[in-house]
N, C-alpha and C. Protein backbone atom coordinates (compact mmCIF):
# COMPACT_ATOMS: atom_id res chain seq x y z
N MET A 1 154.42 104.97 4.27
CA MET A 1 153.89 104.99 5.61
C MET A 1 152.63 104.11 5.64
N LYS A 2 152.51 103.42 6.74
CA LYS A 2 151.37 102.50 6.85
C LYS A 2 150.72 102.63 8.23
N ALA A 3 149.40 102.64 8.24
CA ALA A 3 148.63 102.60 9.48
C ALA A 3 147.97 101.23 9.54
N GLU A 4 148.15 100.55 10.68
CA GLU A 4 147.59 99.21 10.81
C GLU A 4 146.68 99.12 12.03
N LYS A 5 145.39 98.92 11.78
CA LYS A 5 144.37 98.67 12.81
C LYS A 5 144.41 99.70 13.94
N ILE A 6 144.40 100.98 13.56
CA ILE A 6 144.46 102.07 14.53
C ILE A 6 143.10 102.25 15.20
N CYS A 7 143.10 102.24 16.52
CA CYS A 7 141.90 102.52 17.32
C CYS A 7 142.23 103.66 18.28
N LYS A 8 141.28 104.57 18.44
CA LYS A 8 141.46 105.67 19.39
C LYS A 8 140.10 106.09 19.92
N SER A 9 140.02 106.19 21.25
CA SER A 9 138.82 106.66 21.93
C SER A 9 139.21 107.78 22.88
N PHE A 10 138.27 108.65 23.11
CA PHE A 10 138.39 109.67 24.15
C PHE A 10 137.22 109.42 25.10
N GLY A 11 137.52 108.79 26.22
CA GLY A 11 136.44 108.39 27.12
C GLY A 11 135.58 107.35 26.44
N GLU A 12 134.28 107.61 26.41
CA GLU A 12 133.33 106.69 25.77
C GLU A 12 133.22 106.92 24.26
N ASN A 13 133.82 107.99 23.77
CA ASN A 13 133.71 108.38 22.36
C ASN A 13 134.77 107.66 21.51
N LYS A 14 134.34 106.67 20.73
CA LYS A 14 135.24 105.97 19.81
C LYS A 14 135.42 106.84 18.56
N VAL A 15 136.64 107.27 18.34
CA VAL A 15 136.92 108.15 17.21
C VAL A 15 137.42 107.36 16.00
N LEU A 16 138.32 106.43 16.24
CA LEU A 16 138.85 105.59 15.16
C LEU A 16 138.76 104.13 15.58
N THR A 17 138.28 103.29 14.67
CA THR A 17 138.15 101.87 14.94
C THR A 17 138.77 101.07 13.81
N ASP A 18 139.86 100.38 14.10
CA ASP A 18 140.54 99.52 13.13
C ASP A 18 140.84 100.21 11.80
N PHE A 19 141.36 101.45 11.87
CA PHE A 19 141.73 102.16 10.64
C PHE A 19 143.06 101.62 10.13
N SER A 20 143.05 101.16 8.89
CA SER A 20 144.27 100.69 8.23
C SER A 20 144.37 101.33 6.86
N HIS A 21 145.59 101.72 6.50
CA HIS A 21 145.81 102.27 5.16
C HIS A 21 147.30 102.29 4.86
N ASP A 22 147.63 102.01 3.61
CA ASP A 22 149.00 102.10 3.13
C ASP A 22 149.09 103.39 2.31
N PHE A 23 149.76 104.41 2.85
CA PHE A 23 149.87 105.71 2.18
C PHE A 23 150.95 105.61 1.10
N MET A 24 150.59 105.99 -0.11
CA MET A 24 151.49 105.84 -1.25
C MET A 24 152.65 106.84 -1.17
N GLN A 25 153.86 106.34 -1.28
CA GLN A 25 155.04 107.19 -1.26
C GLN A 25 155.04 108.08 -2.51
N GLY A 26 155.33 109.35 -2.31
CA GLY A 26 155.40 110.29 -3.42
C GLY A 26 154.04 110.75 -3.92
N LYS A 27 152.99 110.42 -3.20
CA LYS A 27 151.63 110.78 -3.60
C LYS A 27 150.93 111.55 -2.49
N THR A 28 149.84 112.22 -2.85
CA THR A 28 149.04 112.96 -1.88
C THR A 28 147.77 112.19 -1.58
N THR A 29 147.56 111.93 -0.29
CA THR A 29 146.35 111.27 0.18
C THR A 29 145.53 112.30 0.94
N ALA A 30 144.30 112.50 0.52
CA ALA A 30 143.40 113.42 1.22
C ALA A 30 142.47 112.62 2.12
N ILE A 31 142.27 113.15 3.32
CA ILE A 31 141.33 112.55 4.27
C ILE A 31 140.20 113.56 4.44
N ILE A 32 139.00 113.13 4.12
CA ILE A 32 137.85 114.02 4.15
C ILE A 32 136.75 113.39 5.00
N GLY A 33 135.95 114.22 5.60
CA GLY A 33 134.85 113.73 6.42
C GLY A 33 134.25 114.85 7.24
N ALA A 34 133.16 114.55 7.90
CA ALA A 34 132.44 115.55 8.70
C ALA A 34 133.28 115.99 9.90
N SER A 35 132.95 117.14 10.43
CA SER A 35 133.61 117.63 11.65
C SER A 35 133.44 116.61 12.77
N GLY A 36 134.53 116.38 13.49
CA GLY A 36 134.47 115.48 14.64
C GLY A 36 134.58 114.01 14.31
N CYS A 37 134.85 113.66 13.05
CA CYS A 37 134.89 112.23 12.68
C CYS A 37 136.26 111.60 12.92
N GLY A 38 137.27 112.39 13.32
CA GLY A 38 138.57 111.81 13.64
C GLY A 38 139.70 112.15 12.69
N LYS A 39 139.47 113.07 11.76
CA LYS A 39 140.51 113.40 10.77
C LYS A 39 141.78 113.94 11.44
N SER A 40 141.63 114.95 12.28
CA SER A 40 142.80 115.54 12.94
C SER A 40 143.42 114.58 13.94
N THR A 41 142.59 113.79 14.60
CA THR A 41 143.11 112.77 15.51
C THR A 41 143.99 111.78 14.75
N LEU A 42 143.51 111.33 13.60
CA LEU A 42 144.29 110.41 12.78
C LEU A 42 145.60 111.06 12.35
N LEU A 43 145.53 112.30 11.92
CA LEU A 43 146.74 113.02 11.49
C LEU A 43 147.75 113.10 12.64
N ASN A 44 147.28 113.43 13.83
CA ASN A 44 148.18 113.51 14.99
C ASN A 44 148.78 112.16 15.34
N ILE A 45 148.04 111.09 15.16
CA ILE A 45 148.58 109.74 15.38
C ILE A 45 149.62 109.42 14.31
N LEU A 46 149.33 109.75 13.05
CA LEU A 46 150.28 109.50 11.97
C LEU A 46 151.59 110.25 12.19
N MET A 47 151.51 111.47 12.76
CA MET A 47 152.70 112.28 13.03
C MET A 47 153.45 111.82 14.27
N GLY A 48 152.82 111.00 15.08
CA GLY A 48 153.45 110.55 16.32
C GLY A 48 153.23 111.49 17.49
N LEU A 49 152.29 112.40 17.35
CA LEU A 49 151.99 113.36 18.41
C LEU A 49 150.94 112.84 19.39
N LEU A 50 150.24 111.80 18.99
CA LEU A 50 149.19 111.20 19.81
C LEU A 50 149.32 109.69 19.69
N GLU A 51 149.26 109.02 20.81
CA GLU A 51 149.36 107.55 20.81
C GLU A 51 147.99 106.93 20.51
N PRO A 52 147.95 105.94 19.63
CA PRO A 52 146.69 105.22 19.45
C PRO A 52 146.45 104.31 20.66
N ASP A 53 145.20 103.95 20.90
CA ASP A 53 144.89 102.98 21.95
C ASP A 53 145.42 101.61 21.56
N SER A 54 145.35 101.32 20.27
CA SER A 54 145.91 100.08 19.73
C SER A 54 146.22 100.30 18.26
N GLY A 55 147.00 99.41 17.71
CA GLY A 55 147.40 99.54 16.32
C GLY A 55 148.81 100.09 16.21
N GLU A 56 149.26 100.26 14.97
CA GLU A 56 150.66 100.63 14.75
C GLU A 56 150.78 101.54 13.53
N ILE A 57 151.71 102.49 13.64
CA ILE A 57 152.08 103.34 12.51
C ILE A 57 153.50 102.97 12.11
N ILE A 58 153.70 102.69 10.84
CA ILE A 58 155.03 102.37 10.32
C ILE A 58 155.41 103.47 9.34
N ARG A 59 156.43 104.23 9.72
CA ARG A 59 156.95 105.31 8.86
C ARG A 59 158.38 104.97 8.48
N GLU A 60 158.72 105.19 7.23
CA GLU A 60 160.08 104.94 6.75
C GLU A 60 161.02 106.03 7.23
N SER A 61 160.46 107.21 7.56
CA SER A 61 161.28 108.35 7.92
C SER A 61 160.61 109.16 9.02
N ASP A 62 161.42 109.80 9.85
CA ASP A 62 160.89 110.70 10.86
C ASP A 62 161.06 112.16 10.44
N LYS A 63 161.51 112.38 9.21
CA LYS A 63 161.63 113.75 8.71
C LYS A 63 160.26 114.21 8.20
N ILE A 64 159.54 114.90 9.09
CA ILE A 64 158.20 115.34 8.73
C ILE A 64 158.10 116.85 8.82
N SER A 65 157.11 117.38 8.14
CA SER A 65 156.75 118.79 8.24
C SER A 65 155.23 118.84 8.34
N ALA A 66 154.71 119.94 8.91
CA ALA A 66 153.27 119.98 9.11
C ALA A 66 152.73 121.39 9.14
N VAL A 67 151.48 121.50 8.70
CA VAL A 67 150.66 122.68 8.96
C VAL A 67 149.51 122.18 9.82
N PHE A 68 149.41 122.76 11.02
CA PHE A 68 148.36 122.38 11.95
C PHE A 68 147.13 123.25 11.74
N GLN A 69 146.02 122.92 12.40
CA GLN A 69 144.83 123.78 12.31
C GLN A 69 145.14 125.17 12.83
N GLU A 70 145.98 125.26 13.88
CA GLU A 70 146.43 126.56 14.36
C GLU A 70 147.75 126.83 13.64
N ASN A 71 148.07 128.10 13.40
CA ASN A 71 149.25 128.42 12.59
C ASN A 71 150.58 128.14 13.27
N ARG A 72 150.64 128.20 14.58
CA ARG A 72 151.85 127.89 15.34
C ARG A 72 153.08 128.64 14.86
N LEU A 73 152.90 129.93 14.63
CA LEU A 73 154.03 130.80 14.27
C LEU A 73 154.65 131.37 15.54
N CYS A 74 155.89 131.78 15.44
CA CYS A 74 156.53 132.54 16.52
C CYS A 74 156.12 133.99 16.30
N GLU A 75 155.16 134.43 17.09
CA GLU A 75 154.48 135.72 16.86
C GLU A 75 155.41 136.93 16.86
N ASN A 76 156.48 136.89 17.64
CA ASN A 76 157.38 138.04 17.71
C ASN A 76 158.45 138.04 16.62
N LEU A 77 158.58 136.93 15.90
CA LEU A 77 159.53 136.86 14.79
C LEU A 77 158.90 137.40 13.52
N THR A 78 159.73 137.88 12.61
CA THR A 78 159.23 138.33 11.31
C THR A 78 158.80 137.12 10.49
N VAL A 79 158.10 137.40 9.41
CA VAL A 79 157.68 136.33 8.51
C VAL A 79 158.91 135.58 8.00
N SER A 80 159.93 136.29 7.53
CA SER A 80 161.13 135.61 7.00
C SER A 80 161.85 134.83 8.09
N ALA A 81 161.88 135.36 9.33
CA ALA A 81 162.52 134.64 10.44
C ALA A 81 161.76 133.35 10.76
N ASN A 82 160.43 133.37 10.66
CA ASN A 82 159.65 132.15 10.85
C ASN A 82 160.01 131.12 9.79
N ILE A 83 160.22 131.55 8.56
CA ILE A 83 160.61 130.65 7.47
C ILE A 83 162.01 130.10 7.74
N ARG A 84 162.92 130.95 8.18
CA ARG A 84 164.31 130.57 8.44
C ARG A 84 164.42 129.52 9.56
N LEU A 85 163.41 129.43 10.42
CA LEU A 85 163.42 128.40 11.46
C LEU A 85 163.57 127.01 10.86
N VAL A 86 163.04 126.81 9.66
CA VAL A 86 163.10 125.49 9.03
C VAL A 86 164.11 125.42 7.88
N THR A 87 164.45 126.57 7.29
CA THR A 87 165.37 126.53 6.16
C THR A 87 166.81 126.81 6.56
N GLY A 88 167.01 127.47 7.69
CA GLY A 88 168.36 127.87 8.07
C GLY A 88 168.96 128.70 6.96
N LYS A 89 170.18 128.37 6.59
CA LYS A 89 170.86 129.12 5.51
C LYS A 89 170.77 128.40 4.18
N ARG A 90 169.93 127.35 4.12
CA ARG A 90 169.78 126.57 2.89
C ARG A 90 169.25 127.42 1.74
N LEU A 91 168.42 128.43 2.06
CA LEU A 91 167.89 129.34 1.04
C LEU A 91 168.44 130.74 1.28
N THR A 92 168.69 131.45 0.19
CA THR A 92 169.15 132.82 0.31
C THR A 92 167.97 133.72 0.70
N LYS A 93 168.29 134.91 1.14
CA LYS A 93 167.26 135.90 1.47
C LYS A 93 166.37 136.14 0.26
N ARG A 94 166.98 136.21 -0.91
CA ARG A 94 166.23 136.42 -2.17
C ARG A 94 165.28 135.24 -2.44
N GLN A 95 165.74 134.02 -2.23
CA GLN A 95 164.89 132.84 -2.46
C GLN A 95 163.69 132.84 -1.52
N VAL A 96 163.91 133.18 -0.26
CA VAL A 96 162.80 133.24 0.70
C VAL A 96 161.81 134.30 0.26
N TYR A 97 162.31 135.45 -0.16
CA TYR A 97 161.46 136.54 -0.64
C TYR A 97 160.62 136.08 -1.84
N GLU A 98 161.23 135.38 -2.77
CA GLU A 98 160.51 134.90 -3.97
C GLU A 98 159.41 133.90 -3.59
N GLU A 99 159.69 133.03 -2.61
CA GLU A 99 158.67 132.08 -2.16
C GLU A 99 157.49 132.83 -1.53
N LEU A 100 157.79 133.85 -0.74
CA LEU A 100 156.73 134.65 -0.13
C LEU A 100 155.94 135.41 -1.18
N CYS A 101 156.62 135.93 -2.19
CA CYS A 101 155.92 136.64 -3.29
C CYS A 101 154.96 135.71 -4.01
N ALA A 102 155.34 134.44 -4.13
CA ALA A 102 154.51 133.47 -4.85
C ALA A 102 153.14 133.28 -4.21
N VAL A 103 153.03 133.59 -2.91
CA VAL A 103 151.74 133.47 -2.22
C VAL A 103 151.22 134.84 -1.78
N GLY A 104 151.76 135.91 -2.36
CA GLY A 104 151.27 137.26 -2.07
C GLY A 104 151.74 137.85 -0.76
N LEU A 105 152.89 137.39 -0.25
CA LEU A 105 153.39 137.89 1.03
C LEU A 105 154.72 138.63 0.93
N GLY A 106 155.12 139.00 -0.27
CA GLY A 106 156.40 139.68 -0.45
C GLY A 106 156.55 140.93 0.40
N GLU A 107 155.47 141.70 0.52
CA GLU A 107 155.52 142.95 1.29
C GLU A 107 155.52 142.71 2.79
N CYS A 108 155.34 141.47 3.21
CA CYS A 108 155.25 141.15 4.63
C CYS A 108 156.54 140.54 5.18
N GLU A 109 157.53 140.38 4.35
CA GLU A 109 158.75 139.65 4.70
C GLU A 109 159.34 140.05 6.05
N GLU A 110 159.39 141.33 6.35
CA GLU A 110 160.02 141.80 7.60
C GLU A 110 159.02 142.24 8.67
N LYS A 111 157.75 141.90 8.47
CA LYS A 111 156.73 142.22 9.48
C LYS A 111 156.68 141.12 10.53
N PRO A 112 156.50 141.50 11.80
CA PRO A 112 156.31 140.47 12.83
C PRO A 112 155.02 139.69 12.56
N ALA A 113 155.06 138.39 12.81
CA ALA A 113 153.89 137.54 12.55
C ALA A 113 152.65 138.04 13.29
N ARG A 114 152.83 138.62 14.48
CA ARG A 114 151.68 139.07 15.28
C ARG A 114 150.89 140.19 14.59
N THR A 115 151.50 140.87 13.61
CA THR A 115 150.82 141.98 12.94
C THR A 115 150.03 141.54 11.71
N LEU A 116 150.11 140.27 11.36
CA LEU A 116 149.48 139.75 10.14
C LEU A 116 148.02 139.39 10.37
N SER A 117 147.25 139.43 9.29
CA SER A 117 145.87 138.93 9.33
C SER A 117 145.90 137.41 9.43
N GLY A 118 144.75 136.82 9.72
CA GLY A 118 144.67 135.37 9.81
C GLY A 118 145.09 134.67 8.53
N GLY A 119 144.65 135.19 7.39
CA GLY A 119 145.01 134.59 6.11
C GLY A 119 146.49 134.71 5.80
N MET A 120 147.10 135.82 6.20
CA MET A 120 148.55 136.00 6.00
C MET A 120 149.33 135.03 6.89
N LYS A 121 148.86 134.84 8.11
CA LYS A 121 149.51 133.88 9.01
C LYS A 121 149.41 132.47 8.44
N ARG A 122 148.24 132.17 7.87
CA ARG A 122 148.02 130.83 7.31
C ARG A 122 149.01 130.57 6.18
N ARG A 123 149.17 131.56 5.30
CA ARG A 123 150.11 131.41 4.18
C ARG A 123 151.54 131.29 4.66
N THR A 124 151.89 132.05 5.70
CA THR A 124 153.25 131.96 6.26
C THR A 124 153.50 130.56 6.81
N ALA A 125 152.54 130.02 7.55
CA ALA A 125 152.69 128.67 8.10
C ALA A 125 152.83 127.63 7.00
N LEU A 126 152.08 127.80 5.92
CA LEU A 126 152.14 126.85 4.81
C LEU A 126 153.48 126.93 4.09
N VAL A 127 153.93 128.15 3.78
CA VAL A 127 155.23 128.30 3.11
C VAL A 127 156.34 127.70 3.98
N ARG A 128 156.29 127.97 5.28
CA ARG A 128 157.29 127.42 6.19
C ARG A 128 157.31 125.89 6.11
N ALA A 129 156.14 125.28 6.16
CA ALA A 129 156.06 123.81 6.10
C ALA A 129 156.56 123.27 4.77
N LEU A 130 156.21 123.95 3.69
CA LEU A 130 156.60 123.48 2.36
C LEU A 130 158.09 123.64 2.10
N LEU A 131 158.74 124.60 2.75
CA LEU A 131 160.17 124.83 2.54
C LEU A 131 161.06 124.03 3.49
N ALA A 132 160.45 123.36 4.47
CA ALA A 132 161.22 122.52 5.39
C ALA A 132 161.79 121.32 4.64
N ASP A 133 162.80 120.70 5.22
CA ASP A 133 163.38 119.49 4.67
C ASP A 133 162.59 118.31 5.26
N TYR A 134 161.75 117.70 4.46
CA TYR A 134 160.87 116.64 4.96
C TYR A 134 160.75 115.50 3.97
N ASP A 135 160.34 114.35 4.49
CA ASP A 135 159.98 113.21 3.64
C ASP A 135 158.47 113.04 3.58
N ILE A 136 157.78 113.42 4.68
CA ILE A 136 156.32 113.33 4.72
C ILE A 136 155.78 114.67 5.20
N LEU A 137 154.79 115.19 4.49
CA LEU A 137 154.16 116.46 4.83
C LEU A 137 152.72 116.19 5.28
N PHE A 138 152.36 116.76 6.44
CA PHE A 138 151.01 116.64 6.97
C PHE A 138 150.35 118.01 6.93
N LEU A 139 149.18 118.08 6.32
CA LEU A 139 148.46 119.35 6.17
C LEU A 139 147.07 119.22 6.76
N ASP A 140 146.80 119.98 7.83
CA ASP A 140 145.49 119.94 8.49
C ASP A 140 144.73 121.22 8.16
N GLU A 141 143.82 121.11 7.20
CA GLU A 141 143.04 122.25 6.72
C GLU A 141 143.94 123.44 6.41
N PRO A 142 144.90 123.26 5.50
CA PRO A 142 145.92 124.28 5.26
C PRO A 142 145.42 125.56 4.57
N PHE A 143 144.24 125.51 3.97
CA PHE A 143 143.76 126.67 3.22
C PHE A 143 142.60 127.39 3.90
N LYS A 144 142.31 127.00 5.15
CA LYS A 144 141.18 127.61 5.84
C LYS A 144 141.45 129.11 6.07
N GLY A 145 140.39 129.89 5.95
CA GLY A 145 140.51 131.33 6.18
C GLY A 145 141.00 132.13 5.00
N LEU A 146 141.21 131.48 3.86
CA LEU A 146 141.66 132.20 2.67
C LEU A 146 140.48 132.49 1.75
N ASP A 147 140.44 133.70 1.19
CA ASP A 147 139.39 134.01 0.22
C ASP A 147 139.63 133.17 -1.03
N ASN A 148 138.62 133.05 -1.87
CA ASN A 148 138.69 132.13 -3.02
C ASN A 148 139.86 132.40 -3.96
N ASP A 149 140.11 133.68 -4.29
CA ASP A 149 141.21 133.99 -5.22
C ASP A 149 142.56 133.64 -4.61
N THR A 150 142.77 134.05 -3.37
CA THR A 150 144.03 133.75 -2.69
C THR A 150 144.19 132.25 -2.51
N LYS A 151 143.11 131.58 -2.15
CA LYS A 151 143.14 130.13 -1.96
C LYS A 151 143.62 129.43 -3.22
N GLN A 152 143.12 129.86 -4.38
CA GLN A 152 143.52 129.20 -5.62
C GLN A 152 145.00 129.42 -5.92
N ILE A 153 145.50 130.63 -5.65
CA ILE A 153 146.93 130.92 -5.83
C ILE A 153 147.76 130.01 -4.94
N VAL A 154 147.34 129.87 -3.69
CA VAL A 154 148.08 129.06 -2.71
C VAL A 154 147.98 127.57 -3.04
N ILE A 155 146.83 127.11 -3.51
CA ILE A 155 146.70 125.71 -3.93
C ILE A 155 147.64 125.43 -5.11
N ASP A 156 147.68 126.34 -6.09
CA ASP A 156 148.58 126.16 -7.23
C ASP A 156 150.04 126.11 -6.79
N TYR A 157 150.42 126.99 -5.87
CA TYR A 157 151.78 127.02 -5.31
C TYR A 157 152.08 125.69 -4.60
N THR A 158 151.13 125.24 -3.78
CA THR A 158 151.30 124.00 -3.03
C THR A 158 151.46 122.82 -3.98
N LYS A 159 150.63 122.79 -5.02
CA LYS A 159 150.68 121.69 -6.00
C LYS A 159 152.08 121.55 -6.60
N LYS A 160 152.72 122.68 -6.92
CA LYS A 160 154.08 122.66 -7.48
C LYS A 160 155.08 122.15 -6.45
N LYS A 161 154.93 122.59 -5.21
CA LYS A 161 155.90 122.27 -4.16
C LYS A 161 155.84 120.81 -3.71
N ILE A 162 154.67 120.18 -3.79
CA ILE A 162 154.52 118.82 -3.26
C ILE A 162 154.69 117.74 -4.32
N LYS A 163 154.95 118.14 -5.54
CA LYS A 163 155.09 117.16 -6.62
C LYS A 163 156.16 116.12 -6.24
N GLY A 164 155.78 114.85 -6.24
CA GLY A 164 156.70 113.77 -5.92
C GLY A 164 156.93 113.55 -4.43
N LYS A 165 156.23 114.29 -3.58
CA LYS A 165 156.38 114.16 -2.13
C LYS A 165 155.23 113.34 -1.56
N THR A 166 155.45 112.75 -0.39
CA THR A 166 154.39 112.04 0.32
C THR A 166 153.67 113.05 1.19
N VAL A 167 152.37 113.20 0.95
CA VAL A 167 151.58 114.22 1.64
C VAL A 167 150.28 113.59 2.14
N VAL A 168 149.90 113.97 3.38
CA VAL A 168 148.60 113.60 3.91
C VAL A 168 147.87 114.91 4.20
N LEU A 169 146.75 115.11 3.52
CA LEU A 169 145.96 116.34 3.58
C LEU A 169 144.62 116.06 4.25
N VAL A 170 144.32 116.82 5.30
CA VAL A 170 143.00 116.75 5.93
C VAL A 170 142.23 117.99 5.51
N THR A 171 141.01 117.78 5.03
CA THR A 171 140.20 118.91 4.58
C THR A 171 138.71 118.57 4.64
N HIS A 172 137.89 119.61 4.61
CA HIS A 172 136.44 119.44 4.47
C HIS A 172 136.04 119.68 3.02
N ASP A 173 136.97 120.21 2.22
CA ASP A 173 136.67 120.75 0.91
C ASP A 173 137.00 119.76 -0.21
N LEU A 174 135.98 119.23 -0.85
CA LEU A 174 136.18 118.26 -1.93
C LEU A 174 136.97 118.85 -3.10
N SER A 175 136.81 120.15 -3.38
CA SER A 175 137.55 120.76 -4.50
C SER A 175 139.05 120.76 -4.22
N GLU A 176 139.46 120.90 -2.94
CA GLU A 176 140.88 120.81 -2.59
C GLU A 176 141.39 119.40 -2.87
N CYS A 177 140.58 118.41 -2.53
CA CYS A 177 140.93 117.01 -2.80
C CYS A 177 141.12 116.78 -4.29
N GLU A 178 140.17 117.28 -5.06
CA GLU A 178 140.21 117.07 -6.51
C GLU A 178 141.44 117.71 -7.14
N GLN A 179 141.88 118.85 -6.61
CA GLN A 179 143.02 119.55 -7.17
C GLN A 179 144.37 118.98 -6.72
N LEU A 180 144.42 118.42 -5.51
CA LEU A 180 145.71 118.04 -4.94
C LEU A 180 145.93 116.54 -4.74
N ALA A 181 144.86 115.79 -4.54
CA ALA A 181 145.01 114.41 -4.07
C ALA A 181 145.10 113.39 -5.19
N ASP A 182 145.94 112.38 -4.94
CA ASP A 182 146.01 111.22 -5.81
C ASP A 182 145.02 110.17 -5.36
N GLU A 183 144.67 110.20 -4.06
CA GLU A 183 143.65 109.30 -3.52
C GLU A 183 142.92 110.01 -2.39
N ILE A 184 141.68 109.61 -2.17
CA ILE A 184 140.84 110.23 -1.14
C ILE A 184 140.32 109.15 -0.20
N ILE A 185 140.48 109.39 1.10
CA ILE A 185 139.92 108.52 2.14
C ILE A 185 138.78 109.28 2.79
N ARG A 186 137.61 108.66 2.85
CA ARG A 186 136.46 109.27 3.54
C ARG A 186 136.31 108.62 4.91
N LEU A 187 136.39 109.45 5.95
CA LEU A 187 136.21 108.92 7.32
C LEU A 187 134.75 109.06 7.72
């Protein structure tokens, strides 16, 4: 995937000016920077959810998966049903359960998403994104709201799942970059 001379403004506020980058296939690129510097805007442009004012995004594939800043779960569906939205019958009930156990959510498998804590919802959204069939994965602050111990478990799980995949990670946390990224872009 390649971004060429991306510019984006909101009114008088220039968020991105001539941003260009060639994202390495099969590698994780972390985008780090202060709040409001354009990280999420760039991610939304890369995903095709937001049009740049000028410039071009070249993607080899439209098979993408994402974790947004908001969890975007179907609140009335169970945790496993939220996962099944992207896996269909590709994974058995047992396989879905094992994936949930890997991030400490095994006991939540049949609970409606609306009954979960914020951290449980975050993990559900991440597992769902990681189990989707994708060529490019976009992660916008995927570990926010997790306590340190849980965060480390989830980072380790994520590291295994993204091996050899093209990933763009937006974060404020340099330690997340150090653990997951092959390259770091500072905005």
